[in-house]
Amino acid sequence: MATLDDEQIERLLGRSFERRTPTTITDLNDLLSELNEVRSQGFAFDREEHTLGISAAGVALPDHLGNPHAISIPVPTASFVDEESNITKHRLKTKAALSKLVEAKGRR
């Protein structure tokens, strides 16, 4: 979602969302605020927002045609808490490596 602008997100999702867990974001303004942080950091977290007991770190990047793709690693929350920075570091390394490949493919 962070690759979309705020208006696209509102058209796609509306202004409020179904609560799946106690930590699910259910308000558009709260979601947009978090997405602004995601855009500046370059990665996102899901801390049991979709499924209890499962957390994730993810990155988004475009393919050589500009289409957005995401790579997310879901992990049991008990493990995620201790490994969050390590998981995030590796997602960012993966994003950088894939971005180089996409860039090289785009130059062909």
PDB file of N, CA and C in Angstrom:
ATOM      1  N   MET A   1       0.805  -1.202   0.000  1.00  0.00           N
ATOM      2  CA  MET A   1       0.000   0.000   0.000  1.00  0.00           C
ATOM      3  C   MET A   1       0.845   1.261   0.000  1.00  0.00           C
ATOM      4  N   ALA A   2       2.043   1.167   0.563  1.00  0.00           N
ATOM      5  CA  ALA A   2       2.888   2.355   0.656  1.00  0.00           C
ATOM      6  C   ALA A   2       3.316   2.880  -0.710  1.00  0.00           C
ATOM      7  N   THR A   3       3.181   2.055  -1.754  1.00  0.00           N
ATOM      8  CA  THR A   3       3.536   2.508  -3.097  1.00  0.00           C
ATOM      9  C   THR A   3       2.408   3.301  -3.746  1.00  0.00           C
ATOM     10  N   LEU A   4       1.228   3.287  -3.136  1.00  0.00           N
ATOM     11  CA  LEU A   4       0.080   4.044  -3.643  1.00  0.00           C
ATOM     12  C   LEU A   4       0.016   5.400  -2.956  1.00  0.00           C
ATOM     13  N   ASP A   5      -0.625   6.374  -3.615  1.00  0.00           N
ATOM     14  CA  ASP A   5      -0.816   7.648  -2.928  1.00  0.00           C
ATOM     15  C   ASP A   5      -2.067   7.566  -2.051  1.00  0.00           C
ATOM     16  N   ASP A   6      -2.235   8.532  -1.173  1.00  0.00           N
ATOM     17  CA  ASP A   6      -3.309   8.498  -0.181  1.00  0.00           C
ATOM     18  C   ASP A   6      -4.692   8.396  -0.822  1.00  0.00           C
ATOM     19  N   GLU A   7      -4.908   9.091  -1.919  1.00  0.00           N
ATOM     20  CA  GLU A   7      -6.213   9.053  -2.577  1.00  0.00           C
ATOM     21  C   GLU A   7      -6.501   7.665  -3.151  1.00  0.00           C
ATOM     22  N   GLN A   8      -5.493   7.032  -3.716  1.00  0.00           N
ATOM     23  CA  GLN A   8      -5.674   5.676  -4.244  1.00  0.00           C
ATOM     24  C   GLN A   8      -6.026   4.708  -3.120  1.00  0.00           C
ATOM     25  N   ILE A   9      -5.383   4.865  -1.987  1.00  0.00           N
ATOM     26  CA  ILE A   9      -5.652   3.995  -0.841  1.00  0.00           C
ATOM     27  C   ILE A   9      -7.087   4.177  -0.366  1.00  0.00           C
ATOM     28  N   GLU A  10      -7.534   5.430  -0.272  1.00  0.00           N
ATOM     29  CA  GLU A  10      -8.909   5.672   0.172  1.00  0.00           C
ATOM     30  C   GLU A  10      -9.919   5.091  -0.808  1.00  0.00           C
ATOM     31  N   ARG A  11      -9.669   5.238  -2.106  1.00  0.00           N
ATOM     32  CA  ARG A  11     -10.583   4.664  -3.099  1.00  0.00           C
ATOM     33  C   ARG A  11     -10.609   3.139  -3.006  1.00  0.00           C
ATOM     34  N   LEU A  12      -9.477   2.550  -2.742  1.00  0.00           N
ATOM     35  CA  LEU A  12      -9.372   1.101  -2.669  1.00  0.00           C
ATOM     36  C   LEU A  12     -10.005   0.536  -1.400  1.00  0.00           C
ATOM     37  N   LEU A  13      -9.764   1.187  -0.253  1.00  0.00           N
ATOM     38  CA  LEU A  13     -10.161   0.619   1.037  1.00  0.00           C
ATOM     39  C   LEU A  13     -11.340   1.293   1.722  1.00  0.00           C
ATOM     40  N   GLY A  14     -11.620   2.540   1.363  1.00  0.00           N
ATOM     41  CA  GLY A  14     -12.630   3.299   2.097  1.00  0.00           C
ATOM     42  C   GLY A  14     -12.009   3.992   3.292  1.00  0.00           C
ATOM     43  N   ARG A  15     -12.846   4.407   4.246  1.00  0.00           N
ATOM     44  CA  ARG A  15     -12.346   5.177   5.384  1.00  0.00           C
ATOM     45  C   ARG A  15     -12.241   4.366   6.673  1.00  0.00           C
ATOM     46  N   SER A  16     -12.851   3.193   6.713  1.00  0.00           N
ATOM     47  CA  SER A  16     -12.746   2.349   7.907  1.00  0.00           C
ATOM     48  C   SER A  16     -12.663   0.892   7.471  1.00  0.00           C
ATOM     49  N   PHE A  17     -12.089   0.071   8.343  1.00  0.00           N
ATOM     50  CA  PHE A  17     -11.781  -1.299   7.966  1.00  0.00           C
ATOM     51  C   PHE A  17     -12.195  -2.259   9.067  1.00  0.00           C
ATOM     52  N   GLU A  18     -12.391  -3.504   8.675  1.00  0.00           N
ATOM     53  CA  GLU A  18     -12.775  -4.552   9.609  1.00  0.00           C
ATOM     54  C   GLU A  18     -11.633  -4.827  10.597  1.00  0.00           C
ATOM     55  N   ARG A  19     -11.973  -4.954  11.854  1.00  0.00           N
ATOM     56  CA  ARG A  19     -10.982  -5.316  12.872  1.00  0.00           C
ATOM     57  C   ARG A  19     -10.800  -6.826  12.849  1.00  0.00           C
ATOM     58  N   ARG A  20      -9.570  -7.279  12.640  1.00  0.00           N
ATOM     59  CA  ARG A  20      -9.249  -8.710  12.637  1.00  0.00           C
ATOM     60  C   ARG A  20      -8.630  -9.143  13.960  1.00  0.00           C
ATOM     61  N   THR A  21      -7.875  -8.238  14.576  1.00  0.00           N
ATOM     62  CA  THR A  21      -7.226  -8.508  15.860  1.00  0.00           C
ATOM     63  C   THR A  21      -7.293  -7.224  16.685  1.00  0.00           C
ATOM     64  N   PRO A  22      -6.914  -7.267  17.954  1.00  0.00           N
ATOM     65  CA  PRO A  22      -6.914  -6.039  18.753  1.00  0.00           C
ATOM     66  C   PRO A  22      -5.961  -4.954  18.229  1.00  0.00           C
ATOM     67  N   THR A  23      -4.966  -5.338  17.410  1.00  0.00           N
ATOM     68  CA  THR A  23      -4.019  -4.329  16.900  1.00  0.00           C
ATOM     69  C   THR A  23      -4.265  -3.928  15.446  1.00  0.00           C
ATOM     70  N   THR A  24      -5.355  -4.401  14.853  1.00  0.00           N
ATOM     71  CA  THR A  24      -5.687  -4.015  13.485  1.00  0.00           C
ATOM     72  C   THR A  24      -5.965  -2.519  13.407  1.00  0.00           C
ATOM     73  N   ILE A  25      -5.381  -1.863  12.413  1.00  0.00           N
ATOM     74  CA  ILE A  25      -5.694  -0.455  12.145  1.00  0.00           C
ATOM     75  C   ILE A  25      -7.049  -0.433  11.451  1.00  0.00           C
ATOM     76  N   THR A  26      -7.988   0.337  11.990  1.00  0.00           N
ATOM     77  CA  THR A  26      -9.348   0.343  11.443  1.00  0.00           C
ATOM     78  C   THR A  26      -9.774   1.701  10.897  1.00  0.00           C
ATOM     79  N   ASP A  27      -8.898   2.693  10.948  1.00  0.00           N
ATOM     80  CA  ASP A  27      -9.238   4.050  10.533  1.00  0.00           C
ATOM     81  C   ASP A  27      -8.267   4.512   9.450  1.00  0.00           C
ATOM     82  N   LEU A  28      -8.803   5.120   8.394  1.00  0.00           N
ATOM     83  CA  LEU A  28      -7.975   5.563   7.273  1.00  0.00           C
ATOM     84  C   LEU A  28      -6.886   6.524   7.720  1.00  0.00           C
ATOM     85  N   ASN A  29      -7.202   7.505   8.553  1.00  0.00           N
ATOM     86  CA  ASN A  29      -6.188   8.477   8.966  1.00  0.00           C
ATOM     87  C   ASN A  29      -5.045   7.811   9.722  1.00  0.00           C
ATOM     88  N   ASP A  30      -5.362   6.841  10.575  1.00  0.00           N
ATOM     89  CA  ASP A  30      -4.317   6.105  11.292  1.00  0.00           C
ATOM     90  C   ASP A  30      -3.463   5.301  10.314  1.00  0.00           C
ATOM     91  N   LEU A  31      -4.114   4.687   9.330  1.00  0.00           N
ATOM     92  CA  LEU A  31      -3.385   3.919   8.328  1.00  0.00           C
ATOM     93  C   LEU A  31      -2.463   4.827   7.515  1.00  0.00           C
ATOM     94  N   LEU A  32      -2.973   5.964   7.076  1.00  0.00           N
ATOM     95  CA  LEU A  32      -2.156   6.883   6.278  1.00  0.00           C
ATOM     96  C   LEU A  32      -0.967   7.400   7.075  1.00  0.00           C
ATOM     97  N   SER A  33      -1.178   7.646   8.348  1.00  0.00           N
ATOM     98  CA  SER A  33      -0.068   8.080   9.212  1.00  0.00           C
ATOM     99  C   SER A  33       1.014   7.003   9.269  1.00  0.00           C
ATOM    100  N   GLU A  34       0.605   5.757   9.454  1.00  0.00           N
ATOM    101  CA  GLU A  34       1.582   4.666   9.489  1.00  0.00           C
ATOM    102  C   GLU A  34       2.257   4.498   8.135  1.00  0.00           C
ATOM    103  N   LEU A  35       1.514   4.631   7.051  1.00  0.00           N
ATOM    104  CA  LEU A  35       2.105   4.480   5.726  1.00  0.00           C
ATOM    105  C   LEU A  35       3.118   5.584   5.425  1.00  0.00           C
ATOM    106  N   ASN A  36       2.903   6.782   5.950  1.00  0.00           N
ATOM    107  CA  ASN A  36       3.906   7.843   5.790  1.00  0.00           C
ATOM    108  C   ASN A  36       5.214   7.444   6.449  1.00  0.00           C
ATOM    109  N   GLU A  37       5.128   6.818   7.610  1.00  0.00           N
ATOM    110  CA  GLU A  37       6.325   6.323   8.292  1.00  0.00           C
ATOM    111  C   GLU A  37       6.976   5.199   7.483  1.00  0.00           C
ATOM    112  N   VAL A  38       6.161   4.310   6.953  1.00  0.00           N
ATOM    113  CA  VAL A  38       6.667   3.204   6.130  1.00  0.00           C
ATOM    114  C   VAL A  38       7.404   3.760   4.918  1.00  0.00           C
ATOM    115  N   ARG A  39       6.830   4.752   4.276  1.00  0.00           N
ATOM    116  CA  ARG A  39       7.460   5.345   3.088  1.00  0.00           C
ATOM    117  C   ARG A  39       8.818   5.942   3.427  1.00  0.00           C
ATOM    118  N   SER A  40       8.932   6.599   4.577  1.00  0.00           N
ATOM    119  CA  SER A  40      10.213   7.219   4.932  1.00  0.00           C
ATOM    120  C   SER A  40      11.237   6.184   5.391  1.00  0.00           C
ATOM    121  N   GLN A  41      10.805   5.112   6.051  1.00  0.00           N
ATOM    122  CA  GLN A  41      11.713   4.069   6.530  1.00  0.00           C
ATOM    123  C   GLN A  41      12.129   3.098   5.428  1.00  0.00           C
ATOM    124  N   GLY A  42      11.205   2.839   4.505  1.00  0.00           N
ATOM    125  CA  GLY A  42      11.475   1.878   3.450  1.00  0.00           C
ATOM    126  C   GLY A  42      11.057   0.457   3.788  1.00  0.00           C
ATOM    127  N   PHE A  43      10.408   0.264   4.929  1.00  0.00           N
ATOM    128  CA  PHE A  43       9.934  -1.060   5.320  1.00  0.00           C
ATOM    129  C   PHE A  43       8.707  -0.917   6.204  1.00  0.00           C
ATOM    130  N   ALA A  44       7.981  -2.029   6.329  1.00  0.00           N
ATOM    131  CA  ALA A  44       6.748  -2.025   7.124  1.00  0.00           C
ATOM    132  C   ALA A  44       6.736  -3.205   8.080  1.00  0.00           C
ATOM    133  N   PHE A  45       5.962  -3.054   9.137  1.00  0.00           N
ATOM    134  CA  PHE A  45       5.753  -4.129  10.093  1.00  0.00           C
ATOM    135  C   PHE A  45       4.280  -4.479  10.153  1.00  0.00           C
ATOM    136  N   ASP A  46       4.008  -5.734  10.399  1.00  0.00           N
ATOM    137  CA  ASP A  46       2.675  -6.210  10.771  1.00  0.00           C
ATOM    138  C   ASP A  46       2.879  -6.880  12.121  1.00  0.00           C
ATOM    139  N   ARG A  47       2.438  -6.209  13.149  1.00  0.00           N
ATOM    140  CA  ARG A  47       2.581  -6.745  14.503  1.00  0.00           C
ATOM    141  C   ARG A  47       1.219  -7.255  14.966  1.00  0.00           C
ATOM    142  N   GLU A  48       0.906  -8.450  14.499  1.00  0.00           N
ATOM    143  CA  GLU A  48      -0.364  -9.104  14.801  1.00  0.00           C
ATOM    144  C   GLU A  48      -1.571  -8.268  14.377  1.00  0.00           C
ATOM    145  N   GLU A  49      -1.451  -7.521  13.305  1.00  0.00           N
ATOM    146  CA  GLU A  49      -2.566  -6.708  12.812  1.00  0.00           C
ATOM    147  C   GLU A  49      -3.535  -7.545  11.990  1.00  0.00           C
ATOM    148  N   HIS A  50      -3.035  -8.594  11.361  1.00  0.00           N
ATOM    149  CA  HIS A  50      -3.875  -9.439  10.514  1.00  0.00           C
ATOM    150  C   HIS A  50      -4.250 -10.742  11.216  1.00  0.00           C
ATOM    151  N   THR A  51      -3.275 -11.360  11.898  1.00  0.00           N
ATOM    152  CA  THR A  51      -3.497 -12.648  12.545  1.00  0.00           C
ATOM    153  C   THR A  51      -2.788 -12.668  13.889  1.00  0.00           C
ATOM    154  N   LEU A  52      -3.503 -13.043  14.942  1.00  0.00           N
ATOM    155  CA  LEU A  52      -2.872 -13.161  16.249  1.00  0.00           C
ATOM    156  C   LEU A  52      -1.764 -14.214  16.203  1.00  0.00           C
ATOM    157  N   GLY A  53      -0.642 -13.893  16.827  1.00  0.00           N
ATOM    158  CA  GLY A  53       0.469 -14.830  16.886  1.00  0.00           C
ATOM    159  C   GLY A  53       1.425 -14.752  15.714  1.00  0.00           C
ATOM    160  N   ILE A  54       1.109 -13.921  14.712  1.00  0.00           N
ATOM    161  CA  ILE A  54       1.959 -13.782  13.530  1.00  0.00           C
ATOM    162  C   ILE A  54       2.324 -12.315  13.340  1.00  0.00           C
ATOM    163  N   SER A  55       3.609 -12.044  13.212  1.00  0.00           N
ATOM    164  CA  SER A  55       4.120 -10.706  12.899  1.00  0.00           C
ATOM    165  C   SER A  55       4.963 -10.811  11.636  1.00  0.00           C
ATOM    166  N   ALA A  56       5.256  -9.675  11.014  1.00  0.00           N
ATOM    167  CA  ALA A  56       6.020  -9.705   9.770  1.00  0.00           C
ATOM    168  C   ALA A  56       6.744  -8.389   9.564  1.00  0.00           C
ATOM    169  N   ALA A  57       7.792  -8.461   8.749  1.00  0.00           N
ATOM    170  CA  ALA A  57       8.485  -7.276   8.245  1.00  0.00           C
ATOM    171  C   ALA A  57       8.476  -7.397   6.736  1.00  0.00           C
ATOM    172  N   GLY A  58       8.231  -6.291   6.055  1.00  0.00           N
ATOM    173  CA  GLY A  58       8.154  -6.348   4.608  1.00  0.00           C
ATOM    174  C   GLY A  58       8.716  -5.116   3.940  1.00  0.00           C
ATOM    175  N   VAL A  59       9.055  -5.268   2.677  1.00  0.00           N
ATOM    176  CA  VAL A  59       9.535  -4.165   1.848  1.00  0.00           C
ATOM    177  C   VAL A  59       8.770  -4.203   0.529  1.00  0.00           C
ATOM    178  N   ALA A  60       8.698  -3.068  -0.115  1.00  0.00           N
ATOM    179  CA  ALA A  60       8.069  -2.976  -1.431  1.00  0.00           C
ATOM    180  C   ALA A  60       9.095  -2.436  -2.416  1.00  0.00           C
ATOM    181  N   LEU A  61       9.007  -2.910  -3.642  1.00  0.00           N
ATOM    182  CA  LEU A  61       9.883  -2.399  -4.683  1.00  0.00           C
ATOM    183  C   LEU A  61       9.220  -2.615  -6.030  1.00  0.00           C
ATOM    184  N   PRO A  62       9.549  -1.758  -6.995  1.00  0.00           N
ATOM    185  CA  PRO A  62       8.962  -1.917  -8.324  1.00  0.00           C
ATOM    186  C   PRO A  62       9.769  -2.910  -9.160  1.00  0.00           C
ATOM    187  N   ASP A  63       9.080  -3.566 -10.108  1.00  0.00           N
ATOM    188  CA  ASP A  63       9.800  -4.387 -11.072  1.00  0.00           C
ATOM    189  C   ASP A  63      10.311  -3.485 -12.196  1.00  0.00           C
ATOM    190  N   HIS A  64      10.909  -4.064 -13.217  1.00  0.00           N
ATOM    191  CA  HIS A  64      11.505  -3.262 -14.287  1.00  0.00           C
ATOM    192  C   HIS A  64      10.474  -2.486 -15.106  1.00  0.00           C
ATOM    193  N   LEU A  65       9.190  -2.824 -14.951  1.00  0.00           N
ATOM    194  CA  LEU A  65       8.130  -2.084 -15.632  1.00  0.00           C
ATOM    195  C   LEU A  65       7.464  -1.047 -14.726  1.00  0.00           C
ATOM    196  N   GLY A  66       7.895  -1.007 -13.463  1.00  0.00           N
ATOM    197  CA  GLY A  66       7.322  -0.066 -12.513  1.00  0.00           C
ATOM    198  C   GLY A  66       6.174  -0.622 -11.694  1.00  0.00           C
ATOM    199  N   ASN A  67       5.831  -1.899 -11.883  1.00  0.00           N
ATOM    200  CA  ASN A  67       4.755  -2.515 -11.112  1.00  0.00           C
ATOM    201  C   ASN A  67       5.225  -2.788  -9.684  1.00  0.00           C
ATOM    202  N   PRO A  68       4.432  -2.441  -8.686  1.00  0.00           N
ATOM    203  CA  PRO A  68       4.868  -2.663  -7.296  1.00  0.00           C
ATOM    204  C   PRO A  68       4.758  -4.129  -6.885  1.00  0.00           C
ATOM    205  N   HIS A  69       5.728  -4.564  -6.098  1.00  0.00           N
ATOM    206  CA  HIS A  69       5.744  -5.907  -5.513  1.00  0.00           C
ATOM    207  C   HIS A  69       6.171  -5.776  -4.060  1.00  0.00           C
ATOM    208  N   ALA A  70       5.776  -6.732  -3.249  1.00  0.00           N
ATOM    209  CA  ALA A  70       6.153  -6.707  -1.837  1.00  0.00           C
ATOM    210  C   ALA A  70       6.749  -8.053  -1.445  1.00  0.00           C
ATOM    211  N   ILE A  71       7.708  -7.984  -0.545  1.00  0.00           N
ATOM    212  CA  ILE A  71       8.298  -9.178   0.047  1.00  0.00           C
ATOM    213  C   ILE A  71       8.096  -9.058   1.543  1.00  0.00           C
ATOM    214  N   SER A  72       7.385 -10.007   2.099  1.00  0.00           N
ATOM    215  CA  SER A  72       7.078  -9.995   3.525  1.00  0.00           C
ATOM    216  C   SER A  72       7.419 -11.355   4.110  1.00  0.00           C
ATOM    217  N   ILE A  73       8.004 -11.332   5.282  1.00  0.00           N
ATOM    218  CA  ILE A  73       8.356 -12.572   5.962  1.00  0.00           C
ATOM    219  C   ILE A  73       7.517 -12.682   7.230  1.00  0.00           C
ATOM    220  N   PRO A  74       6.496 -13.534   7.228  1.00  0.00           N
ATOM    221  CA  PRO A  74       5.716 -13.755   8.447  1.00  0.00           C
ATOM    222  C   PRO A  74       6.464 -14.696   9.390  1.00  0.00           C
ATOM    223  N   VAL A  75       6.411 -14.363  10.665  1.00  0.00           N
ATOM    224  CA  VAL A  75       7.141 -15.104  11.698  1.00  0.00           C
ATOM    225  C   VAL A  75       6.246 -15.195  12.925  1.00  0.00           C
ATOM    226  N   PRO A  76       6.297 -16.291  13.665  1.00  0.00           N
ATOM    227  CA  PRO A  76       5.573 -16.309  14.934  1.00  0.00           C
ATOM    228  C   PRO A  76       6.017 -15.116  15.801  1.00  0.00           C
ATOM    229  N   THR A  77       5.057 -14.429  16.368  1.00  0.00           N
ATOM    230  CA  THR A  77       5.360 -13.215  17.126  1.00  0.00           C
ATOM    231  C   THR A  77       6.398 -13.449  18.217  1.00  0.00           C
ATOM    232  N   ALA A  78       6.346 -14.591  18.874  1.00  0.00           N
ATOM    233  CA  ALA A  78       7.313 -14.879  19.938  1.00  0.00           C
ATOM    234  C   ALA A  78       8.748 -14.816  19.411  1.00  0.00           C
ATOM    235  N   SER A  79       8.983 -15.261  18.194  1.00  0.00           N
ATOM    236  CA  SER A  79      10.313 -15.187  17.585  1.00  0.00           C
ATOM    237  C   SER A  79      10.590 -13.802  17.020  1.00  0.00           C
ATOM    238  N   PHE A  80       9.562 -13.173  16.488  1.00  0.00           N
ATOM    239  CA  PHE A  80       9.717 -11.881  15.832  1.00  0.00           C
ATOM    240  C   PHE A  80      10.221 -10.817  16.800  1.00  0.00           C
ATOM    241  N   VAL A  81       9.711 -10.822  18.008  1.00  0.00           N
ATOM    242  CA  VAL A  81      10.075  -9.803  18.987  1.00  0.00           C
ATOM    243  C   VAL A  81      11.589  -9.754  19.180  1.00  0.00           C
ATOM    244  N   ASP A  82      12.220 -10.918  19.286  1.00  0.00           N
ATOM    245  CA  ASP A  82      13.668 -10.969  19.497  1.00  0.00           C
ATOM    246  C   ASP A  82      14.472 -10.729  18.219  1.00  0.00           C
ATOM    247  N   GLU A  83      13.885 -10.997  17.071  1.00  0.00           N
ATOM    248  CA  GLU A  83      14.620 -10.933  15.804  1.00  0.00           C
ATOM    249  C   GLU A  83      14.187  -9.785  14.884  1.00  0.00           C
ATOM    250  N   GLU A  84      13.362  -8.873  15.370  1.00  0.00           N
ATOM    251  CA  GLU A  84      12.804  -7.816  14.514  1.00  0.00           C
ATOM    252  C   GLU A  84      13.878  -7.039  13.757  1.00  0.00           C
ATOM    253  N   SER A  85      14.905  -6.581  14.433  1.00  0.00           N
ATOM    254  CA  SER A  85      15.925  -5.781  13.746  1.00  0.00           C
ATOM    255  C   SER A  85      16.698  -6.626  12.740  1.00  0.00           C
ATOM    256  N   ASN A  86      16.982  -7.868  13.059  1.00  0.00           N
ATOM    257  CA  ASN A  86      17.692  -8.761  12.153  1.00  0.00           C
ATOM    258  C   ASN A  86      16.842  -9.063  10.918  1.00  0.00           C
ATOM    259  N   ILE A  87      15.572  -9.356  11.131  1.00  0.00           N
ATOM    260  CA  ILE A  87      14.652  -9.624  10.015  1.00  0.00           C
ATOM    261  C   ILE A  87      14.556  -8.399   9.115  1.00  0.00           C
ATOM    262  N   THR A  88      14.425  -7.230   9.709  1.00  0.00           N
ATOM    263  CA  THR A  88      14.313  -5.993   8.941  1.00  0.00           C
ATOM    264  C   THR A  88      15.588  -5.731   8.146  1.00  0.00           C
ATOM    265  N   LYS A  89      16.730  -5.916   8.777  1.00  0.00           N
ATOM    266  CA  LYS A  89      18.014  -5.706   8.101  1.00  0.00           C
ATOM    267  C   LYS A  89      18.115  -6.600   6.865  1.00  0.00           C
ATOM    268  N   HIS A  90      17.719  -7.841   6.985  1.00  0.00           N
ATOM    269  CA  HIS A  90      17.800  -8.763   5.854  1.00  0.00           C
ATOM    270  C   HIS A  90      16.784  -8.433   4.764  1.00  0.00           C
ATOM    271  N   ARG A  91      15.594  -7.951   5.135  1.00  0.00           N
ATOM    272  CA  ARG A  91      14.621  -7.531   4.123  1.00  0.00           C
ATOM    273  C   ARG A  91      15.180  -6.344   3.334  1.00  0.00           C
ATOM    274  N   LEU A  92      15.838  -5.418   4.011  1.00  0.00           N
ATOM    275  CA  LEU A  92      16.409  -4.260   3.316  1.00  0.00           C
ATOM    276  C   LEU A  92      17.562  -4.682   2.404  1.00  0.00           C
ATOM    277  N   LYS A  93      18.364  -5.647   2.830  1.00  0.00           N
ATOM    278  CA  LYS A  93      19.431  -6.168   1.960  1.00  0.00           C
ATOM    279  C   LYS A  93      18.831  -6.838   0.729  1.00  0.00           C
ATOM    280  N   THR A  94      17.774  -7.600   0.932  1.00  0.00           N
ATOM    281  CA  THR A  94      17.098  -8.249  -0.186  1.00  0.00           C
ATOM    282  C   THR A  94      16.546  -7.211  -1.148  1.00  0.00           C
ATOM    283  N   LYS A  95      15.932  -6.173  -0.598  1.00  0.00           N
ATOM    284  CA  LYS A  95      15.378  -5.099  -1.435  1.00  0.00           C
ATOM    285  C   LYS A  95      16.484  -4.446  -2.255  1.00  0.00           C
ATOM    286  N   ALA A  96      17.613  -4.151  -1.639  1.00  0.00           N
ATOM    287  CA  ALA A  96      18.723  -3.516  -2.356  1.00  0.00           C
ATOM    288  C   ALA A  96      19.242  -4.414  -3.473  1.00  0.00           C
ATOM    289  N   ALA A  97      19.410  -5.701  -3.187  1.00  0.00           N
ATOM    290  CA  ALA A  97      19.901  -6.632  -4.203  1.00  0.00           C
ATOM    291  C   ALA A  97      18.917  -6.753  -5.366  1.00  0.00           C
ATOM    292  N   LEU A  98      17.645  -6.884  -5.054  1.00  0.00           N
ATOM    293  CA  LEU A  98      16.641  -6.984  -6.114  1.00  0.00           C
ATOM    294  C   LEU A  98      16.525  -5.692  -6.909  1.00  0.00           C
ATOM    295  N   SER A  99      16.650  -4.559  -6.238  1.00  0.00           N
ATOM    296  CA  SER A  99      16.592  -3.269  -6.934  1.00  0.00           C
ATOM    297  C   SER A  99      17.720  -3.160  -7.958  1.00  0.00           C
ATOM    298  N   LYS A 100      18.916  -3.655  -7.605  1.00  0.00           N
ATOM    299  CA  LYS A 100      20.033  -3.650  -8.555  1.00  0.00           C
ATOM    300  C   LYS A 100      19.721  -4.527  -9.764  1.00  0.00           C
ATOM    301  N   LEU A 101      19.122  -5.692  -9.528  1.00  0.00           N
ATOM    302  CA  LEU A 101      18.758  -6.575 -10.631  1.00  0.00           C
ATOM    303  C   LEU A 101      17.711  -5.933 -11.532  1.00  0.00           C
ATOM    304  N   VAL A 102      16.725  -5.308 -10.921  1.00  0.00           N
ATOM    305  CA  VAL A 102      15.666  -4.641 -11.690  1.00  0.00           C
ATOM    306  C   VAL A 102      16.254  -3.495 -12.500  1.00  0.00           C
ATOM    307  N   GLU A 103      17.128  -2.741 -11.876  1.00  0.00           N
ATOM    308  CA  GLU A 103      17.768  -1.620 -12.568  1.00  0.00           C
ATOM    309  C   GLU A 103      18.581  -2.132 -13.768  1.00  0.00           C
ATOM    310  N   ALA A 104      19.334  -3.199 -13.578  1.00  0.00           N
ATOM    311  CA  ALA A 104      20.134  -3.775 -14.672  1.00  0.00           C
ATOM    312  C   ALA A 104      19.226  -4.278 -15.793  1.00  0.00           C
ATOM    313  N   LYS A 105      18.132  -4.901 -15.443  1.00  0.00           N
ATOM    314  CA  LYS A 105      17.199  -5.409 -16.452  1.00  0.00           C
ATOM    315  C   LYS A 105      16.585  -4.251 -17.227  1.00  0.00           C
ATOM    316  N   GLY A 106      16.303  -3.139 -16.540  1.00  0.00           N
ATOM    317  CA  GLY A 106      15.714  -1.980 -17.197  1.00  0.00           C
ATOM    318  C   GLY A 106      16.659  -1.305 -18.181  1.00  0.00           C
ATOM    319  N   ARG A 107      17.970  -1.484 -17.988  1.00  0.00           N
ATOM    320  CA  ARG A 107      18.943  -0.883 -18.895  1.00  0.00           C
ATOM    321  C   ARG A 107      19.171  -1.701 -20.149  1.00  0.00           C
ATOM    322  N   ARG A 108      18.686  -2.925 -20.176  1.00  0.00           N
ATOM    323  CA  ARG A 108      18.896  -3.796 -21.353  1.00  0.00           C
ATOM    324  C   ARG A 108      18.092  -3.349 -22.526  1.00  0.00           C
TER     325      ARG A 108
END
